[in-house]
């Protein structure tokens, strides 16, 4: 009996995907390999602007010598569309391993965001169409009233108090120039066969790189085994303001939210 979470036949057909389906680790754990393709759900037509940008940058990064960072290459369907029923495809890279090293992840963030700043100099209008839970939480992390209201609508015990403490710590702060960033980097970096970081599942938003790096550090501590001491540098000043917004983003986008796990970080 087919796994209901795997890509349906129509998706496989339009992407001309061949081979045995294999679930892949990393990211949200929802991607599948089919031959030389990786198929990922959770995409819609509002992201059509992203794939050409990603494809051009991926090719440019692969042409560098030596390579310092890479980006997964999008693959269009046979009808020319970049998504099919919410699924998108990228080229599978053999011989990769998942990166869990926080130092490498942070270096990857710096390199990727420098390239994205050059490739996308102005805010894409397509970002306005983000209405999923991550897009909503992204907005709420920068709007105290919206964050508090969102918390009141959630059933998890203690979540409202946690969000209240996080919001109470917010102060006006210049986190740096906003640009296109990857807001879900920590679980989406592979090391290719040569050890070069390969970024997958680009999750775009228009925020300061410092905030995206804070999300990366937070995720690495919570889910990838990075030491809790990595958060020490984020407990004061501008870095603290970036981290508070990073925690708000994760707390409000997680469904359900492990409130105790976030509270134990004592960042609020």
Protein backbone atom coordinates (compact mmCIF):
# COMPACT_ATOMS: atom_id res chain seq x y z
CA UNK A 1 0.00 0.00 0.00
CA UNK A 2 1.54 3.39 -1.00
CA UNK A 3 2.62 5.78 1.72
CA UNK A 4 0.02 8.62 1.65
CA UNK A 5 2.80 11.16 2.21
CA UNK A 6 4.68 10.22 -0.95
CA UNK A 7 4.25 12.15 -4.21
CA UNK A 8 1.16 11.01 -6.16
CA UNK A 9 1.33 9.49 -9.61
CA UNK A 10 0.36 12.74 -11.36
CA UNK A 11 3.30 14.54 -9.76
CA UNK A 12 5.70 11.74 -10.67
CA UNK A 13 4.42 11.74 -14.23
CA UNK A 14 4.70 15.48 -14.84
CA UNK A 15 8.20 15.63 -13.38
CA UNK A 16 9.16 12.52 -15.41
CA UNK A 17 10.39 11.00 -12.16
CA UNK A 18 11.72 7.48 -12.45
CA UNK A 19 13.06 4.90 -10.03
CA UNK A 20 12.05 3.57 -6.64
CA UNK A 21 10.71 6.21 -4.25
CA UNK A 22 12.94 6.76 -1.22
CA UNK A 23 12.10 9.04 1.70
CA UNK A 24 14.95 11.41 2.51
CA UNK A 25 16.11 12.59 5.91
CA UNK A 26 16.63 16.22 6.85
CA UNK A 27 14.50 19.34 6.54
CA UNK A 28 10.89 18.59 7.41
CA UNK A 29 11.39 14.90 6.59
CA UNK A 30 8.81 15.12 3.81
CA UNK A 31 11.04 14.97 0.72
CA UNK A 32 11.36 11.94 -1.53
CA UNK A 33 13.99 10.80 -4.00
CA UNK A 34 12.91 9.39 -7.34
CA UNK A 35 15.90 8.59 -9.53
CA UNK A 36 17.85 11.82 -10.10
CA UNK A 37 15.13 14.06 -8.62
CA UNK A 38 14.20 15.17 -5.10
CA UNK A 39 10.49 15.95 -4.75
CA UNK A 40 9.30 18.17 -1.90
CA UNK A 41 5.74 19.15 -0.90
CA UNK A 42 4.51 22.43 0.54
CA UNK A 43 5.02 24.59 -2.54
CA UNK A 44 2.52 26.58 -4.55
CA UNK A 45 2.32 28.78 -7.61
CA UNK A 46 3.11 31.88 -5.55
CA UNK A 47 6.73 30.64 -5.46
CA UNK A 48 7.07 30.73 -9.24
CA UNK A 49 9.32 33.80 -8.95
CA UNK A 50 11.84 31.92 -6.78
CA UNK A 51 12.87 29.01 -9.01
CA UNK A 52 14.45 31.10 -11.81
CA UNK A 53 16.38 33.11 -9.21
CA UNK A 54 17.49 29.92 -7.48
CA UNK A 55 18.43 28.24 -10.75
CA UNK A 56 20.61 31.12 -11.96
CA UNK A 57 22.36 31.38 -8.62
CA UNK A 58 22.84 27.62 -8.37
CA UNK A 59 24.56 27.55 -11.77
CA UNK A 60 26.70 30.56 -10.90
CA UNK A 61 27.84 29.03 -7.62
CA UNK A 62 28.70 25.73 -9.31
CA UNK A 63 30.85 27.59 -11.84
CA UNK A 64 33.04 29.07 -9.11
CA UNK A 65 36.47 27.60 -8.58
CA UNK A 66 36.96 26.59 -5.91
CA UNK A 67 33.35 26.14 -4.82
CA UNK A 68 32.54 27.52 -1.37
CA UNK A 69 28.76 27.01 -1.20
CA UNK A 70 26.20 25.43 -3.50
CA UNK A 71 22.44 25.64 -3.99
CA UNK A 72 20.06 22.89 -5.08
CA UNK A 73 19.06 23.23 -8.75
CA UNK A 74 15.27 23.43 -9.42
CA UNK A 75 13.84 21.20 -12.16
CA UNK A 76 10.67 22.19 -14.06
CA UNK A 77 7.87 19.76 -14.86
CA UNK A 78 7.17 18.57 -18.40
CA UNK A 79 4.46 21.22 -18.81
CA UNK A 80 6.92 23.98 -17.93
CA UNK A 81 5.50 24.64 -14.47
CA UNK A 82 7.78 24.70 -11.47
CA UNK A 83 5.22 23.19 -9.12
CA UNK A 84 2.69 20.40 -9.54
CA UNK A 85 -0.12 20.06 -7.00
CA UNK A 86 2.05 21.63 -4.32
CA UNK A 87 5.21 19.64 -5.17
CA UNK A 88 8.51 20.99 -6.49
CA UNK A 89 11.60 19.19 -7.75
CA UNK A 90 15.34 19.73 -7.48
CA UNK A 91 18.27 17.76 -8.86
CA UNK A 92 19.44 14.95 -6.56
CA UNK A 93 23.07 15.19 -5.47
CA UNK A 94 24.70 11.78 -4.81
CA UNK A 95 27.22 11.24 -2.05
CA UNK A 96 25.94 13.91 0.32
CA UNK A 97 25.83 13.85 4.11
CA UNK A 98 23.80 16.03 6.45
CA UNK A 99 25.70 18.89 8.05
CA UNK A 100 25.23 19.23 11.80
CA UNK A 101 28.31 21.36 12.56
CA UNK A 102 27.19 24.78 13.76
CA UNK A 103 30.36 26.51 12.60
CA UNK A 104 29.85 25.23 9.07
CA UNK A 105 26.17 26.14 9.17
CA UNK A 106 26.92 29.72 10.21
CA UNK A 107 29.64 30.08 7.59
CA UNK A 108 27.19 28.73 5.00
CA UNK A 109 24.61 31.30 6.12
CA UNK A 110 27.10 34.15 5.66
CA UNK A 111 28.14 32.98 2.19
CA UNK A 112 24.63 32.21 0.96
CA UNK A 113 23.16 35.48 2.17
CA UNK A 114 25.99 37.48 0.59
CA UNK A 115 25.22 35.83 -2.75
CA UNK A 116 21.46 36.29 -2.32
CA UNK A 117 21.94 40.00 -1.56
CA UNK A 118 23.71 40.38 -4.89
CA UNK A 119 21.32 38.17 -6.86
CA UNK A 120 18.12 39.73 -5.47
CA UNK A 121 18.75 43.44 -4.80
CA UNK A 122 15.10 44.38 -4.14
CA UNK A 123 12.23 42.72 -2.33
CA UNK A 124 10.34 40.30 -4.60
CA UNK A 125 6.60 40.95 -4.78
CA UNK A 126 6.03 37.20 -4.61
CA UNK A 127 6.85 37.21 -0.91
CA UNK A 128 3.55 38.99 -0.27
CA UNK A 129 1.68 35.81 -1.20
CA UNK A 130 3.08 33.77 1.71
CA UNK A 131 0.09 32.75 3.82
CA UNK A 132 1.25 29.45 5.33
CA UNK A 133 1.99 29.07 9.04
CA UNK A 134 5.66 29.98 8.55
CA UNK A 135 4.77 33.13 6.67
CA UNK A 136 2.29 34.14 9.36
CA UNK A 137 4.76 33.42 12.17
CA UNK A 138 7.44 35.39 10.33
CA UNK A 139 5.15 38.45 10.40
CA UNK A 140 4.11 37.85 14.02
CA UNK A 141 7.73 37.68 15.18
CA UNK A 142 8.06 41.34 14.21
CA UNK A 143 4.65 42.47 15.45
CA UNK A 144 4.22 42.17 19.22
CA UNK A 145 0.44 42.59 19.18
CA UNK A 146 0.05 39.99 16.44
CA UNK A 147 2.29 37.56 18.34
CA UNK A 148 0.27 37.93 21.55
CA UNK A 149 -3.01 37.50 19.69
CA UNK A 150 -1.74 34.41 17.88
CA UNK A 151 -0.72 32.85 21.19
CA UNK A 152 -4.21 33.29 22.63
CA UNK A 153 -5.63 31.17 19.82
CA UNK A 154 -3.34 28.22 20.54
CA UNK A 155 -4.15 25.25 22.84
CA UNK A 156 -0.65 24.44 24.16
CA UNK A 157 -0.41 25.03 27.94
CA UNK A 158 2.07 27.75 28.82
CA UNK A 159 2.49 29.02 25.28
CA UNK A 160 0.75 32.32 26.00
CA UNK A 161 3.00 32.97 29.00
CA UNK A 162 6.11 32.13 27.00
CA UNK A 163 5.15 34.42 24.15
CA UNK A 164 4.32 37.14 26.67
CA UNK A 165 7.81 36.90 28.20
CA UNK A 166 9.44 36.95 24.78
CA UNK A 167 7.46 40.01 23.71
CA UNK A 168 8.27 41.77 27.00
CA UNK A 169 11.97 41.50 26.15
CA UNK A 170 11.64 43.12 22.74
CA UNK A 171 13.24 46.52 22.26
CA UNK A 172 13.73 48.73 19.21
CA UNK A 173 16.90 47.52 17.52
CA UNK A 174 18.62 47.83 14.18
CA UNK A 175 19.25 44.23 13.14
CA UNK A 176 20.80 45.28 9.84
CA UNK A 177 19.63 45.72 6.28
CA UNK A 178 16.81 43.44 5.18
CA UNK A 179 17.36 41.19 2.19
CA UNK A 180 16.36 37.78 0.84
CA UNK A 181 17.39 35.13 3.39
CA UNK A 182 16.87 31.43 4.06
CA UNK A 183 14.79 31.20 7.23
CA UNK A 184 15.13 27.42 7.70
CA UNK A 185 18.82 26.79 7.08
CA UNK A 186 19.93 24.52 9.93
CA UNK A 187 18.26 21.34 8.73
CA UNK A 188 18.74 22.08 5.05
CA UNK A 189 22.49 22.00 4.51
CA UNK A 190 24.20 18.96 3.05
CA UNK A 191 27.89 18.37 2.45
CA UNK A 192 28.58 17.14 -1.06
CA UNK A 193 31.13 14.48 -1.91
CA UNK A 194 33.87 17.13 -1.80
CA UNK A 195 32.71 18.56 1.54
CA UNK A 196 31.20 21.72 0.04
CA UNK A 197 27.94 22.87 1.69
CA UNK A 198 24.88 22.32 -0.53
CA UNK A 199 21.79 24.29 0.52
CA UNK A 200 18.41 22.66 -0.13
CA UNK A 201 14.75 23.62 0.37
CA UNK A 202 15.30 27.37 0.16
CA UNK A 203 12.68 28.98 2.42
CA UNK A 204 12.70 32.67 1.44
CA UNK A 205 11.81 35.72 3.44
CA UNK A 206 12.89 39.37 3.52
CA UNK A 207 14.67 39.82 6.85
CA UNK A 208 18.12 40.80 8.15
CA UNK A 209 20.74 38.04 7.84
CA UNK A 210 21.34 38.36 11.60
CA UNK A 211 17.78 37.16 12.25
CA UNK A 212 18.15 34.24 9.84
CA UNK A 213 21.41 33.29 11.56
CA UNK A 214 19.67 33.44 14.95
CA UNK A 215 17.03 30.99 13.68
CA UNK A 216 19.84 28.74 12.43
CA UNK A 217 21.66 28.77 15.79
CA UNK A 218 18.42 28.18 17.69
CA UNK A 219 17.48 25.21 15.50
CA UNK A 220 20.98 23.73 15.75
CA UNK A 221 20.84 23.82 19.55
CA UNK A 222 17.31 22.45 19.74
CA UNK A 223 17.44 19.77 17.07
CA UNK A 224 20.98 19.11 15.81
CA UNK A 225 22.89 18.60 19.05
CA UNK A 226 24.81 21.90 19.09
CA UNK A 227 25.89 22.88 22.63
CA UNK A 228 23.54 25.14 24.58
CA UNK A 229 26.51 27.45 25.14
CA UNK A 230 26.17 28.52 21.51
CA UNK A 231 23.28 30.69 22.69
CA UNK A 232 25.42 32.65 25.17
CA UNK A 233 26.48 35.18 22.55
CA UNK A 234 22.80 35.83 21.80
CA UNK A 235 21.69 36.83 25.30
CA UNK A 236 22.41 40.57 25.13
CA UNK A 237 22.43 43.51 22.77
CA UNK A 238 21.38 43.37 19.17
CA UNK A 239 21.94 39.62 19.05
CA UNK A 240 19.41 39.13 21.85
CA UNK A 241 16.80 41.11 19.93
CA UNK A 242 17.42 38.95 16.86
CA UNK A 243 17.18 35.77 18.94
CA UNK A 244 13.95 36.81 20.69
CA UNK A 245 12.35 37.28 17.28
CA UNK A 246 13.83 33.96 16.13
CA UNK A 247 12.28 32.16 19.10
CA UNK A 248 8.94 33.88 18.52
CA UNK A 249 9.04 32.73 14.90
CA UNK A 250 9.70 29.12 15.85
CA UNK A 251 7.27 29.02 18.78
CA UNK A 252 4.45 30.40 16.67
CA UNK A 253 5.17 28.29 13.59
CA UNK A 254 5.65 24.95 15.38
CA UNK A 255 2.42 22.91 15.38
CA UNK A 256 2.29 21.72 18.08
CA UNK A 257 4.89 23.70 20.00
CA UNK A 258 7.08 22.00 22.61
CA UNK A 259 6.72 24.89 25.06
CA UNK A 260 8.89 23.33 27.77
CA UNK A 261 11.79 22.82 25.37
CA UNK A 262 11.82 26.49 24.38
CA UNK A 263 11.28 27.69 27.93
CA UNK A 264 14.27 25.65 29.11
CA UNK A 265 16.53 27.79 26.95
CA UNK A 266 15.84 30.70 29.36
CA UNK A 267 16.02 33.26 26.58
CA UNK A 268 12.81 35.03 27.57
